[in-house]
Amino acid sequence: MYKVLVSDPISDMGIQQLMDASDVTVDKNTGLTEDELVAIIGEYDALLVRSQTKVTERIMSAGTRLKVIGRAGVGVDNIDLEAATQRGIIVINAPDGNTITTCEHTFAMMMALARHIPQAYAKTIGGTWDRKSFLGVELRNKTLGVLGMGRIGSEVAKRAKAFGMNILGYDPFLTEDRAAKQGVKLASVDEIIRNADFMTVHTPLTPETRHMISKPQFEVMKKGMRIINCARGGVIDELALVKAIDEGIVAGAAFDVFEAEPPAQDHPFLNHPKIIVTPHLGASTVEAQENVAIDVSEQVLHILRDEPFKNAVNMPPVAPSVMNKLQPYFGLGEKLGSFAAQITTQAVREIHVEYAGDLSEDDTQPLTRYILKGVLRRHLGSDVNIVNSMHLAKSRDVGFVVTKAPATKGFTNLISVTLKTQDGEERRVAGTLLTGYGERVVRLDQFPVDVAPDAYQLLISHNDKPGIIGRVGTLLGQNDVNIASMQVGRKVIGGEAIMILTVDKAVPKNVLIELAGLPDLNTAQEIVLE
């Protein structure tokens, strides 16, 4: 018999299949302290939690029989994933359980925004019968821009079509073929803000997406836009939005999320007549809460019975000898993936990874997961981890191919990452570990280089002419940007060349613009490897 402990409040309906299983006994014991949980966890094969129980390394050390920890929800911040991985404990969550409920909340907010429902309700129950002040708009024949065409964004687009709306969709991994199948026109962020009547956000919060809709976007936005955000606070610049509404650019907004939650009492959203707010209710339905528990219970049962399972959020066990060999390359692999993604301008369709040298002899799947994480995290943020990276790539029609070769052209081990886009663009980054020097990038496209993948770097494409390096250095010095190291690569004298500079801090955007304007300099791009 397998024993399962449920340490947070979860409905019986959600865990019914566990309670009905003939080979499982379920104990519900909520509100336990860490000491109390440590005292009993050794009896159990599985632990089910929501967000209240903090599953610490100490608890897992005492859980000598634990095979799986299930989180009935999306986030796993309350679980020490590293400790679980080291002990071979599988951690699973339920990423799909709140898709429909968040989609429906988005539509509820859109309808409320279009018809002024909260404002009209408040005035009516206050004793005022006022029909003239709340002239709304129809959704039919309006253009809806969807920023982020993942699970939730795709469901919103599907429902918007039923309302007779025209859909513009943006996603870094959305292709024209996939968009066409969904009845969506592939568009850029700029096209959406210039042409949409309504805009809804469904992207994770990453350095790339933070304030992706801010003052510059509002300045060119179609007048009368209505904006809905039920995704993540911070994607839209809140103060810039308030100003855009007050200036008549944006007709209104509906937000379920804030940059800081709960918001301050004097937050400008809370008393603005054209802004509707709810307290992060996207996943708050009876069905969603039950669905996530049902999904996790099903996977826990599969794991206990050694059956195929999904939604693991930590790395599956790997032979210690292989792990010891691969582990030094994990950081390098993730940085190579991130570097390649940042220099690729179009949607990635294929990821090619080549291992050469001693690495070609081992099962490199754990290392491949880190590389895919580096590639995908630029656009998908912290939702990507070393277990779900392969699944996320497949779900977005991004193919990945791994090849191995014994020869390394002078290196003990060499990792090459090549990204191919739908428009035929191809970018390649290769790296290795050098004894005494650590991580090194040794090739960028066709250029041989020797660069440590540090946090802040400038990649400059230029014509190989005298004076370029001096002009770049002078401009950076004038703007208080210190150069830590520099590497120049070229194939022929006087031809195309690249320059990679490691700098001490982030480079201001205006400096990048000035750099790109220098004579014989083609492009200047900042690469951030954290």
Protein backbone atom coordinates (compact mmCIF):
# COMPACT_ATOMS: atom_id res chain seq x y z
CA MET A 1 0.00 0.00 0.00
CA TYR A 2 1.15 3.51 -0.83
CA LYS A 3 0.53 6.23 1.73
CA VAL A 4 -0.32 9.79 0.66
CA LEU A 5 -0.36 12.78 3.01
CA VAL A 6 -2.50 15.80 2.15
CA SER A 7 -1.14 18.66 4.28
CA ASP A 8 -3.17 21.58 2.87
CA PRO A 9 -6.94 21.99 2.41
CA ILE A 10 -7.91 20.18 -0.82
CA SER A 11 -11.47 19.11 -1.61
CA ASP A 12 -12.38 15.43 -1.46
CA MET A 13 -13.59 15.68 -5.05
CA GLY A 14 -10.15 16.77 -6.16
CA ILE A 15 -8.41 13.75 -4.61
CA GLN A 16 -11.25 11.26 -5.12
CA GLN A 17 -9.28 9.02 -7.46
CA LEU A 18 -6.56 8.66 -4.83
CA MET A 19 -9.11 7.80 -2.14
CA ASP A 20 -10.77 5.28 -4.46
CA ALA A 21 -7.51 3.55 -5.41
CA SER A 22 -7.20 0.08 -3.91
CA ASP A 23 -3.44 0.38 -3.42
CA VAL A 24 -3.43 3.85 -1.78
CA THR A 25 -4.37 5.19 1.63
CA VAL A 26 -4.87 8.93 2.05
CA ASP A 27 -4.38 10.88 5.28
CA LYS A 28 -5.56 14.51 5.52
CA ASN A 29 -3.66 16.39 8.22
CA THR A 30 -3.56 20.13 7.62
CA GLY A 31 -2.04 23.04 9.51
CA LEU A 32 1.10 21.16 10.55
CA THR A 33 4.24 22.95 11.64
CA GLU A 34 7.57 22.00 10.11
CA ASP A 35 8.48 20.01 13.23
CA GLU A 36 5.17 18.15 13.17
CA LEU A 37 5.56 17.34 9.49
CA VAL A 38 9.14 16.16 9.97
CA ALA A 39 7.94 13.81 12.72
CA ILE A 40 5.47 11.96 10.48
CA ILE A 41 6.60 12.38 6.86
CA GLY A 42 8.79 9.28 7.01
CA GLU A 43 5.67 7.12 6.79
CA TYR A 44 4.53 8.51 3.42
CA ASP A 45 5.28 7.85 -0.25
CA ALA A 46 3.67 11.05 -1.53
CA LEU A 47 2.87 14.55 -0.25
CA LEU A 48 0.11 16.78 -1.65
CA VAL A 49 0.21 20.51 -0.91
CA ARG A 50 -1.19 23.81 -2.10
CA SER A 51 0.61 27.01 -1.07
CA GLN A 52 0.47 26.88 2.73
CA THR A 53 2.88 24.04 3.45
CA LYS A 54 6.53 24.97 2.94
CA VAL A 55 8.27 21.80 1.80
CA THR A 56 11.82 22.34 3.05
CA GLU A 57 15.03 20.35 2.70
CA ARG A 58 14.61 19.27 6.32
CA ILE A 59 11.17 17.80 5.59
CA MET A 60 12.46 15.95 2.53
CA SER A 61 15.44 14.58 4.47
CA ALA A 62 12.97 13.07 6.92
CA GLY A 63 10.78 11.76 4.10
CA THR A 64 12.86 8.70 3.39
CA ARG A 65 10.01 7.04 1.46
CA LEU A 66 8.94 10.09 -0.52
CA LYS A 67 8.71 9.48 -4.26
CA VAL A 68 6.64 12.49 -5.30
CA ILE A 69 5.45 15.89 -4.07
CA GLY A 70 2.35 17.21 -5.81
CA ARG A 71 1.44 20.91 -5.85
CA ALA A 72 -2.27 21.46 -6.56
CA GLY A 73 -1.65 24.64 -8.52
CA VAL A 74 0.85 26.23 -10.88
CA GLY A 75 3.61 27.78 -8.74
CA VAL A 76 6.08 25.68 -6.76
CA ASP A 77 7.80 28.48 -4.82
CA ASN A 78 6.95 26.74 -1.54
CA ILE A 79 8.91 23.61 -2.51
CA ASP A 80 12.72 23.34 -2.42
CA LEU A 81 13.21 21.98 -5.94
CA GLU A 82 16.96 21.56 -5.66
CA ALA A 83 16.64 19.46 -2.51
CA ALA A 84 13.94 17.36 -4.16
CA THR A 85 16.06 16.79 -7.25
CA GLN A 86 19.10 15.77 -5.20
CA ARG A 87 16.97 13.16 -3.41
CA GLY A 88 15.31 11.86 -6.56
CA ILE A 89 11.88 13.13 -5.45
CA ILE A 90 9.68 14.11 -8.39
CA VAL A 91 7.83 17.42 -8.01
CA ILE A 92 4.72 17.90 -10.14
CA ASN A 93 2.22 20.71 -10.58
CA ALA A 94 -0.93 21.44 -12.61
CA PRO A 95 -0.10 24.05 -15.25
CA ASP A 96 -3.27 23.51 -17.31
CA GLY A 97 -5.89 23.55 -14.57
CA ASN A 98 -6.53 27.30 -14.63
CA THR A 99 -6.44 27.86 -18.41
CA ILE A 100 -10.18 28.07 -19.03
CA THR A 101 -11.03 29.94 -15.84
CA THR A 102 -8.42 32.64 -16.56
CA CYS A 103 -9.62 32.86 -20.14
CA GLU A 104 -13.21 33.32 -18.97
CA HIS A 105 -12.19 35.96 -16.44
CA THR A 106 -10.45 37.83 -19.24
CA PHE A 107 -13.66 37.83 -21.23
CA ALA A 108 -15.67 38.90 -18.19
CA MET A 109 -13.32 41.85 -17.79
CA MET A 110 -13.54 42.67 -21.49
CA MET A 111 -17.33 42.68 -21.43
CA ALA A 112 -17.42 44.72 -18.23
CA LEU A 113 -15.04 47.22 -19.79
CA ALA A 114 -17.02 47.49 -23.03
CA ARG A 115 -20.34 48.07 -21.24
CA HIS A 116 -19.22 49.95 -18.07
CA ILE A 117 -20.89 47.29 -15.92
CA PRO A 118 -19.18 47.94 -12.53
CA GLN A 119 -19.65 51.71 -12.82
CA ALA A 120 -23.29 51.39 -13.86
CA TYR A 121 -23.98 48.89 -11.08
CA ALA A 122 -22.47 51.17 -8.41
CA LYS A 123 -24.50 54.15 -9.57
CA THR A 124 -27.73 52.20 -9.84
CA ILE A 125 -27.59 50.70 -6.35
CA GLY A 126 -26.65 54.16 -5.11
CA GLY A 127 -30.09 55.33 -6.16
CA THR A 128 -29.30 57.03 -9.46
CA TRP A 129 -30.99 55.83 -12.67
CA ASP A 130 -28.48 57.01 -15.27
CA ARG A 131 -28.56 55.51 -18.76
CA LYS A 132 -26.83 58.35 -20.62
CA SER A 133 -23.46 58.16 -18.88
CA PHE A 134 -22.72 54.54 -19.80
CA LEU A 135 -22.82 54.31 -23.58
CA GLY A 136 -20.84 51.18 -24.41
CA VAL A 137 -19.43 49.50 -27.51
CA GLU A 138 -20.02 46.11 -29.15
CA LEU A 139 -17.31 43.50 -29.49
CA ARG A 140 -18.58 42.42 -32.89
CA ASN A 141 -16.39 43.60 -35.79
CA LYS A 142 -13.82 45.04 -33.36
CA THR A 143 -10.14 44.09 -33.60
CA LEU A 144 -8.68 42.27 -30.61
CA GLY A 145 -4.92 42.18 -30.15
CA VAL A 146 -3.67 39.20 -28.13
CA LEU A 147 -0.14 39.62 -26.73
CA GLY A 148 0.95 36.06 -25.98
CA MET A 149 -0.62 33.13 -27.84
CA GLY A 150 0.09 30.37 -25.34
CA ARG A 151 -2.59 28.22 -23.69
CA ILE A 152 -4.68 31.06 -22.27
CA GLY A 153 -4.17 33.52 -25.12
CA SER A 154 -5.21 30.88 -27.67
CA GLU A 155 -8.40 30.13 -25.72
CA VAL A 156 -9.23 33.84 -25.54
CA ALA A 157 -8.73 34.15 -29.30
CA LYS A 158 -11.02 31.17 -29.89
CA ARG A 159 -13.85 32.77 -27.89
CA ALA A 160 -13.28 36.19 -29.41
CA LYS A 161 -13.90 34.70 -32.86
CA ALA A 162 -17.31 33.49 -31.65
CA PHE A 163 -18.10 37.12 -30.77
CA GLY A 164 -17.31 38.17 -34.33
CA MET A 165 -14.03 39.88 -33.47
CA ASN A 166 -11.00 40.12 -35.76
CA ILE A 167 -7.90 38.73 -34.03
CA LEU A 168 -4.31 39.98 -34.24
CA GLY A 169 -1.94 37.64 -32.40
CA TYR A 170 1.61 38.21 -31.23
CA ASP A 171 3.90 35.57 -29.78
CA PRO A 172 7.66 35.08 -30.29
CA PHE A 173 7.00 31.43 -31.22
CA LEU A 174 3.85 31.93 -33.32
CA THR A 175 4.24 31.14 -37.02
CA GLU A 176 1.95 32.22 -39.85
CA ASP A 177 0.82 28.63 -40.41
CA ARG A 178 -0.08 28.08 -36.77
CA ALA A 179 -1.80 31.46 -36.58
CA ALA A 180 -3.84 30.69 -39.69
CA LYS A 181 -5.01 27.41 -38.18
CA GLN A 182 -6.32 29.35 -35.18
CA GLY A 183 -8.03 31.96 -37.35
CA VAL A 184 -5.58 34.61 -36.16
CA LYS A 185 -3.54 37.11 -38.15
CA LEU A 186 0.10 37.08 -37.07
CA ALA A 187 1.12 40.60 -36.03
CA SER A 188 3.90 42.48 -34.27
CA VAL A 189 3.38 44.38 -31.02
CA ASP A 190 3.59 47.60 -33.00
CA GLU A 191 0.87 46.48 -35.44
CA ILE A 192 -1.40 45.55 -32.53
CA ILE A 193 -1.03 48.84 -30.67
CA ARG A 194 -1.64 50.82 -33.87
CA ASN A 195 -4.67 48.86 -35.09
CA ALA A 196 -6.48 47.03 -32.26
CA ASP A 197 -9.64 48.26 -30.56
CA PHE A 198 -9.09 45.94 -27.59
CA MET A 199 -5.82 44.48 -26.34
CA THR A 200 -5.36 41.61 -23.87
CA VAL A 201 -2.07 40.51 -22.33
CA HIS A 202 -1.12 36.85 -21.80
CA THR A 203 2.68 36.87 -21.50
CA PRO A 204 4.93 35.99 -18.58
CA LEU A 205 6.80 38.80 -16.86
CA THR A 206 10.42 38.76 -18.04
CA PRO A 207 13.07 41.43 -18.60
CA GLU A 208 11.91 41.39 -22.23
CA THR A 209 8.22 41.91 -21.41
CA ARG A 210 8.47 44.25 -18.42
CA HIS A 211 6.76 47.52 -19.42
CA MET A 212 6.54 46.29 -23.01
CA ILE A 213 3.54 48.65 -23.22
CA SER A 214 4.72 52.00 -21.91
CA LYS A 215 4.97 55.65 -22.94
CA PRO A 216 6.44 55.04 -26.45
CA GLN A 217 3.66 52.56 -27.25
CA PHE A 218 0.90 54.80 -25.90
CA GLU A 219 2.20 57.67 -28.04
CA VAL A 220 1.44 55.75 -31.26
CA MET A 221 -1.52 53.69 -30.00
CA LYS A 222 -4.87 53.75 -31.78
CA LYS A 223 -7.07 56.25 -29.99
CA GLY A 224 -9.89 54.60 -28.04
CA MET A 225 -8.02 51.38 -27.23
CA ARG A 226 -9.34 49.31 -24.33
CA ILE A 227 -6.76 47.22 -22.42
CA ILE A 228 -7.20 44.06 -20.33
CA ASN A 229 -4.48 42.43 -18.21
CA CYS A 230 -5.22 39.17 -16.43
CA ALA A 231 -1.67 37.83 -16.83
CA ARG A 232 1.13 39.49 -14.87
CA GLY A 233 1.50 42.90 -13.27
CA GLY A 234 4.37 44.87 -14.77
CA VAL A 235 3.86 43.95 -18.42
CA ILE A 236 2.02 47.26 -18.83
CA ASP A 237 3.46 50.43 -17.27
CA GLU A 238 0.72 51.36 -14.79
CA LEU A 239 1.54 55.06 -14.43
CA ALA A 240 1.95 55.51 -18.18
CA LEU A 241 -1.44 53.83 -18.66
CA VAL A 242 -3.18 56.22 -16.27
CA LYS A 243 -1.69 59.15 -18.14
CA ALA A 244 -2.79 57.69 -21.49
CA ILE A 245 -6.35 57.32 -20.20
CA ASP A 246 -6.40 60.86 -18.84
CA GLU A 247 -5.12 62.16 -22.18
CA GLY A 248 -7.90 60.36 -24.07
CA ILE A 249 -5.62 57.87 -25.85
CA VAL A 250 -6.96 54.81 -23.98
CA ALA A 251 -10.71 54.56 -23.46
CA GLY A 252 -10.43 52.31 -20.41
CA ALA A 253 -8.63 49.40 -18.78
CA ALA A 254 -9.49 46.28 -16.77
CA PHE A 255 -6.75 44.77 -14.56
CA ASP A 256 -6.76 41.62 -12.46
CA VAL A 257 -3.05 41.96 -11.62
CA PHE A 258 -0.76 44.68 -10.26
CA GLU A 259 2.97 45.33 -10.23
CA ALA A 260 2.82 45.10 -6.41
CA GLU A 261 0.09 43.02 -4.78
CA PRO A 262 -1.90 44.02 -2.91
CA PRO A 263 -1.67 47.55 -4.35
CA ALA A 264 -1.17 50.56 -2.10
CA GLN A 265 -4.37 52.25 -0.94
CA ASP A 266 -3.52 55.35 -2.97
CA HIS A 267 -2.83 53.39 -6.17
CA PRO A 268 -4.27 55.44 -9.08
CA PHE A 269 -6.15 52.43 -10.47
CA LEU A 270 -8.35 52.10 -7.39
CA ASN A 271 -10.32 55.33 -7.79
CA HIS A 272 -10.13 55.92 -11.51
CA PRO A 273 -13.58 56.03 -13.17
CA LYS A 274 -12.32 54.35 -16.36
CA ILE A 275 -10.38 51.48 -14.77
CA ILE A 276 -11.90 48.21 -13.52
CA VAL A 277 -9.90 46.13 -11.03
CA THR A 278 -10.24 42.71 -9.38
CA PRO A 279 -7.93 41.13 -6.75
CA HIS A 280 -6.09 38.54 -8.89
CA LEU A 281 -9.13 36.30 -9.42
CA GLY A 282 -8.01 34.70 -12.69
CA ALA A 283 -7.79 31.17 -11.27
CA SER A 284 -10.43 31.59 -8.57
CA THR A 285 -13.26 29.26 -9.55
CA VAL A 286 -14.55 26.09 -7.94
CA GLU A 287 -13.82 24.18 -11.12
CA ALA A 288 -10.25 25.41 -11.42
CA GLN A 289 -9.42 24.55 -7.81
CA GLU A 290 -10.86 21.07 -8.31
CA ASN A 291 -9.20 20.62 -11.70
CA VAL A 292 -5.70 21.31 -10.42
CA ALA A 293 -6.23 18.83 -7.57
CA ILE A 294 -7.60 16.22 -9.98
CA ASP A 295 -4.66 16.70 -12.38
CA VAL A 296 -2.08 16.37 -9.61
CA SER A 297 -3.81 13.38 -8.01
CA GLU A 298 -3.79 11.55 -11.34
CA GLN A 299 -0.07 12.14 -11.87
CA VAL A 300 0.78 11.15 -8.28
CA LEU A 301 -1.01 7.86 -8.88
CA HIS A 302 0.95 7.28 -12.09
CA ILE A 303 4.26 7.96 -10.36
CA LEU A 304 3.51 5.67 -7.42
CA ARG A 305 2.64 2.89 -9.87
CA ASP A 306 5.72 3.52 -12.07
CA GLU A 307 3.52 4.56 -14.99
CA PRO A 308 4.25 7.36 -17.50
CA PHE A 309 3.57 10.82 -16.05
CA LYS A 310 3.76 14.51 -17.02
CA ASN A 311 4.12 17.99 -15.52
CA ALA A 312 7.29 17.27 -13.53
CA VAL A 313 9.04 20.51 -12.63
CA ASN A 314 12.41 19.16 -11.57
CA MET A 315 15.01 17.01 -13.25
CA PRO A 316 14.43 13.26 -13.24
CA PRO A 317 17.12 11.16 -11.55
CA VAL A 318 20.42 10.73 -13.43
CA ALA A 319 23.26 8.32 -12.71
CA PRO A 320 25.68 10.05 -10.27
CA SER A 321 28.71 9.41 -12.51
CA VAL A 322 27.00 11.06 -15.48
CA MET A 323 25.67 13.93 -13.38
CA ASN A 324 29.15 14.66 -11.99
CA LYS A 325 30.51 14.87 -15.54
CA LEU A 326 27.69 17.03 -16.92
CA GLN A 327 27.12 19.39 -14.01
CA PRO A 328 30.07 21.73 -14.74
CA TYR A 329 28.55 22.37 -18.18
CA PHE A 330 25.01 23.24 -17.01
CA GLY A 331 25.70 26.96 -16.57
CA LEU A 332 27.59 27.16 -19.85
CA GLY A 333 24.81 25.37 -21.74
CA GLU A 334 22.12 27.72 -20.43
CA LYS A 335 24.22 30.78 -21.30
CA LEU A 336 24.89 29.51 -24.83
CA GLY A 337 21.15 29.01 -25.34
CA SER A 338 20.39 32.48 -23.98
CA PHE A 339 23.15 34.09 -26.08
CA ALA A 340 21.86 32.43 -29.25
CA ALA A 341 18.27 33.47 -28.50
CA GLN A 342 19.23 37.10 -27.91
CA ILE A 343 21.05 37.45 -31.23
CA THR A 344 18.20 35.81 -33.17
CA THR A 345 15.68 38.37 -34.42
CA GLN A 346 12.90 36.12 -35.76
CA ALA A 347 10.73 33.38 -34.24
CA VAL A 348 12.83 30.27 -33.57
CA ARG A 349 11.63 27.17 -35.40
CA GLU A 350 14.52 24.72 -34.84
CA ILE A 351 17.16 24.30 -32.15
CA HIS A 352 20.20 22.23 -33.08
CA VAL A 353 22.58 21.13 -30.33
CA GLU A 354 25.85 19.37 -31.11
CA TYR A 355 28.07 17.74 -28.50
CA ALA A 356 31.64 16.99 -29.53
CA GLY A 357 34.42 15.28 -27.61
CA ASP A 358 33.99 13.38 -24.34
CA LEU A 359 30.44 14.68 -23.89
CA SER A 360 29.37 12.69 -26.96
CA GLU A 361 29.85 9.46 -24.98
CA ASP A 362 27.16 10.17 -22.34
CA ASP A 363 23.43 10.69 -21.98
CA THR A 364 23.37 14.46 -22.42
CA GLN A 365 19.60 14.96 -22.00
CA PRO A 366 19.98 16.85 -18.68
CA LEU A 367 22.42 19.27 -20.32
CA THR A 368 20.12 19.67 -23.34
CA ARG A 369 17.33 20.71 -20.98
CA TYR A 370 19.50 23.56 -19.67
CA ILE A 371 20.27 24.72 -23.21
CA LEU A 372 16.58 24.70 -24.17
CA LYS A 373 15.79 26.58 -20.96
CA GLY A 374 18.28 29.27 -21.97
CA VAL A 375 16.75 29.59 -25.44
CA LEU A 376 13.10 29.66 -24.32
CA ARG A 377 13.44 31.70 -21.15
CA ARG A 378 14.09 34.91 -23.06
CA HIS A 379 10.45 34.90 -24.15
CA LEU A 380 8.72 32.62 -21.64
CA GLY A 381 10.41 33.78 -18.44
CA SER A 382 10.51 31.85 -15.20
CA ASP A 383 7.79 29.44 -16.35
CA VAL A 384 10.58 27.52 -18.11
CA ASN A 385 12.64 25.08 -16.08
CA ILE A 386 14.99 22.21 -16.80
CA VAL A 387 12.23 19.62 -16.89
CA ASN A 388 9.46 21.33 -18.86
CA SER A 389 11.77 23.00 -21.41
CA MET A 390 11.45 20.09 -23.86
CA HIS A 391 7.68 19.98 -23.44
CA LEU A 392 7.36 23.76 -23.92
CA ALA A 393 9.47 23.62 -27.07
CA LYS A 394 7.28 20.88 -28.56
CA SER A 395 4.05 22.62 -27.55
CA ARG A 396 5.16 25.70 -29.52
CA ASP A 397 6.20 23.69 -32.57
CA VAL A 398 9.88 24.40 -31.94
CA GLY A 399 11.86 21.37 -33.08
CA PHE A 400 15.12 20.40 -31.44
CA VAL A 401 17.77 18.04 -32.73
CA VAL A 402 20.78 16.68 -30.84
CA THR A 403 23.82 15.31 -32.64
CA LYS A 404 27.12 13.98 -31.32
CA ALA A 405 30.61 13.79 -32.79
CA PRO A 406 33.88 12.56 -31.27
CA ALA A 407 36.07 15.23 -32.95
CA THR A 408 36.22 18.71 -31.40
CA LYS A 409 38.86 20.54 -33.46
CA GLY A 410 41.22 21.11 -30.55
CA PHE A 411 38.84 21.10 -27.56
CA THR A 412 38.26 18.34 -25.03
CA ASN A 413 34.54 19.11 -25.22
CA LEU A 414 32.59 21.51 -27.43
CA ILE A 415 28.91 22.48 -27.27
CA SER A 416 27.38 24.16 -30.33
CA VAL A 417 23.91 25.71 -30.35
CA THR A 418 22.36 26.67 -33.69
CA LEU A 419 18.98 28.40 -33.96
CA LYS A 420 17.01 28.44 -37.21
CA THR A 421 14.02 30.72 -37.79
CA GLN A 422 10.97 30.54 -40.02
CA ASP A 423 12.50 33.19 -42.30
CA GLY A 424 15.72 31.28 -42.89
CA GLU A 425 17.89 33.14 -40.37
CA GLU A 426 20.52 30.91 -38.75
CA ARG A 427 22.68 31.85 -35.75
CA ARG A 428 25.30 29.73 -34.05
CA VAL A 429 27.12 29.97 -30.74
CA ALA A 430 29.69 27.45 -29.51
CA GLY A 431 31.44 27.16 -26.16
CA THR A 432 33.59 25.02 -23.93
CA LEU A 433 35.23 24.83 -20.52
CA LEU A 434 38.96 25.60 -20.44
CA THR A 435 41.06 24.46 -17.50
CA GLY A 436 42.09 27.49 -15.51
CA TYR A 437 39.82 29.82 -17.50
CA GLY A 438 36.33 28.38 -17.00
CA GLU A 439 33.44 29.02 -19.39
CA ARG A 440 34.34 30.37 -22.82
CA VAL A 441 32.42 31.24 -25.98
CA VAL A 442 34.73 30.15 -28.80
CA ARG A 443 32.63 30.68 -31.92
CA LEU A 444 29.91 33.12 -32.97
CA ASP A 445 28.41 32.30 -36.37
CA GLN A 446 31.43 32.00 -38.70
CA PHE A 447 33.78 33.97 -36.45
CA PRO A 448 36.25 32.36 -34.02
CA VAL A 449 36.29 34.22 -30.68
CA ASP A 450 37.45 33.68 -27.09
CA VAL A 451 35.07 35.35 -24.64
CA ALA A 452 33.93 34.61 -21.10
CA PRO A 453 30.08 34.67 -21.06
CA ASP A 454 29.80 37.33 -18.36
CA ALA A 455 26.67 39.22 -17.35
CA TYR A 456 26.82 42.28 -19.65
CA GLN A 457 28.25 42.20 -23.14
CA LEU A 458 28.04 44.29 -26.29
CA LEU A 459 27.94 42.53 -29.66
CA ILE A 460 28.90 44.88 -32.48
CA SER A 461 28.85 44.07 -36.19
CA HIS A 462 31.04 46.36 -38.30
CA ASN A 463 33.20 46.73 -41.37
CA ASP A 464 36.84 45.91 -40.75
CA LYS A 465 38.32 49.39 -41.09
CA PRO A 466 40.87 51.34 -39.01
CA GLY A 467 39.44 53.55 -36.27
CA ILE A 468 36.29 51.57 -35.45
CA ILE A 469 37.58 50.29 -32.12
CA GLY A 470 38.71 53.76 -31.07
CA ARG A 471 35.36 55.34 -31.89
CA VAL A 472 33.47 52.67 -29.95
CA GLY A 473 35.75 53.00 -26.93
CA THR A 474 35.52 56.78 -26.94
CA LEU A 475 31.72 56.78 -27.09
CA LEU A 476 31.42 54.27 -24.25
CA GLY A 477 33.92 56.19 -22.14
CA GLN A 478 32.01 59.42 -22.65
CA ASN A 479 28.90 57.67 -21.30
CA ASP A 480 30.64 56.16 -18.24
CA VAL A 481 30.50 52.58 -19.59
CA ASN A 482 33.64 50.72 -18.52
CA ILE A 483 35.06 48.03 -20.81
CA ALA A 484 36.34 44.94 -18.98
CA SER A 485 37.48 42.99 -22.05
CA MET A 486 37.24 43.05 -25.83
CA GLN A 487 37.42 40.42 -28.55
CA VAL A 488 37.44 41.06 -32.32
CA GLY A 489 36.69 38.44 -34.94
CA ARG A 490 36.99 38.56 -38.72
CA LYS A 491 37.42 36.18 -41.65
CA VAL A 492 39.20 38.44 -44.15
CA ILE A 493 40.95 41.81 -43.97
CA GLY A 494 38.57 44.64 -44.72
CA GLY A 495 35.47 42.45 -44.68
CA GLU A 496 32.66 41.88 -42.21
CA ALA A 497 33.82 41.70 -38.58
CA ILE A 498 32.41 41.46 -35.09
CA MET A 499 33.44 42.95 -31.77
CA ILE A 500 32.39 41.56 -28.38
CA LEU A 501 32.96 43.79 -25.37
CA THR A 502 32.38 42.78 -21.77
CA VAL A 503 31.18 45.80 -19.78
CA ASP A 504 30.57 46.36 -16.08
CA LYS A 505 26.91 47.36 -16.22
CA ALA A 506 23.85 47.56 -18.44
CA VAL A 507 24.29 49.89 -21.41
CA PRO A 508 21.64 52.64 -21.71
CA LYS A 509 19.45 52.38 -24.81
CA ASN A 510 20.46 55.83 -26.03
CA VAL A 511 24.10 54.71 -26.04
CA LEU A 512 23.22 51.64 -28.13
CA ILE A 513 21.46 53.94 -30.60
CA GLU A 514 24.50 56.24 -30.78
CA LEU A 515 26.78 53.23 -31.32
CA ALA A 516 24.65 51.97 -34.20
CA GLY A 517 24.98 55.38 -35.83
CA LEU A 518 28.78 55.38 -35.93
CA PRO A 519 30.41 55.22 -39.40
CA ASP A 520 31.05 51.65 -40.70
CA LEU A 521 29.22 50.17 -37.71
CA ASN A 522 26.25 47.99 -38.71
CA THR A 523 24.56 46.85 -35.49
CA ALA A 524 25.09 47.18 -31.74
CA GLN A 525 23.28 44.84 -29.36
CA GLU A 526 23.47 44.24 -25.64
CA ILE A 527 23.64 40.61 -24.46
CA VAL A 528 22.64 39.95 -20.85
CA LEU A 529 23.62 36.58 -19.36
CA GLU A 530 22.36 36.27 -15.77
